Amino acid sequence: MFSNFLITFVLGTAAGVALQRFMRTEEGERILEDLKATAHGLRSEAEELVDRAPGYLEQMKARGEEVLKSIVLEAEKLLRDLAANLSGKKPGRSTAS
């Protein structure tokens, strides 16, 4: 078990040294700058989305209210029509019980 730990430690150290040496090269520095720029861009996008979230939620709430009102109006109309049909307008039915 100790040998597995030691091998892992040595390989990790070697990889770290190799990466550190690569990052000191011109290409490594360019890659690091690209990563920093990408991270900064992603952070800016995330901050913008967080800033826009309350407005988006308000729009969704307003749209939901509109849809709900429309559904309620349709349901009321359907119930009025149903009540009118059941109130004796059909032939052969008597309204007296």
Foldseek 3Di string as FASTA:
>chain_A
DVVVVVVVVVVVVVVVVVLVVVCPDPVNVVVVVVVVVVVVVVVVVVVVCVVCVVVVVVVVVVVVVVVVVVVVVVVVVVVVVVCVVPCPPDPPDDNDD
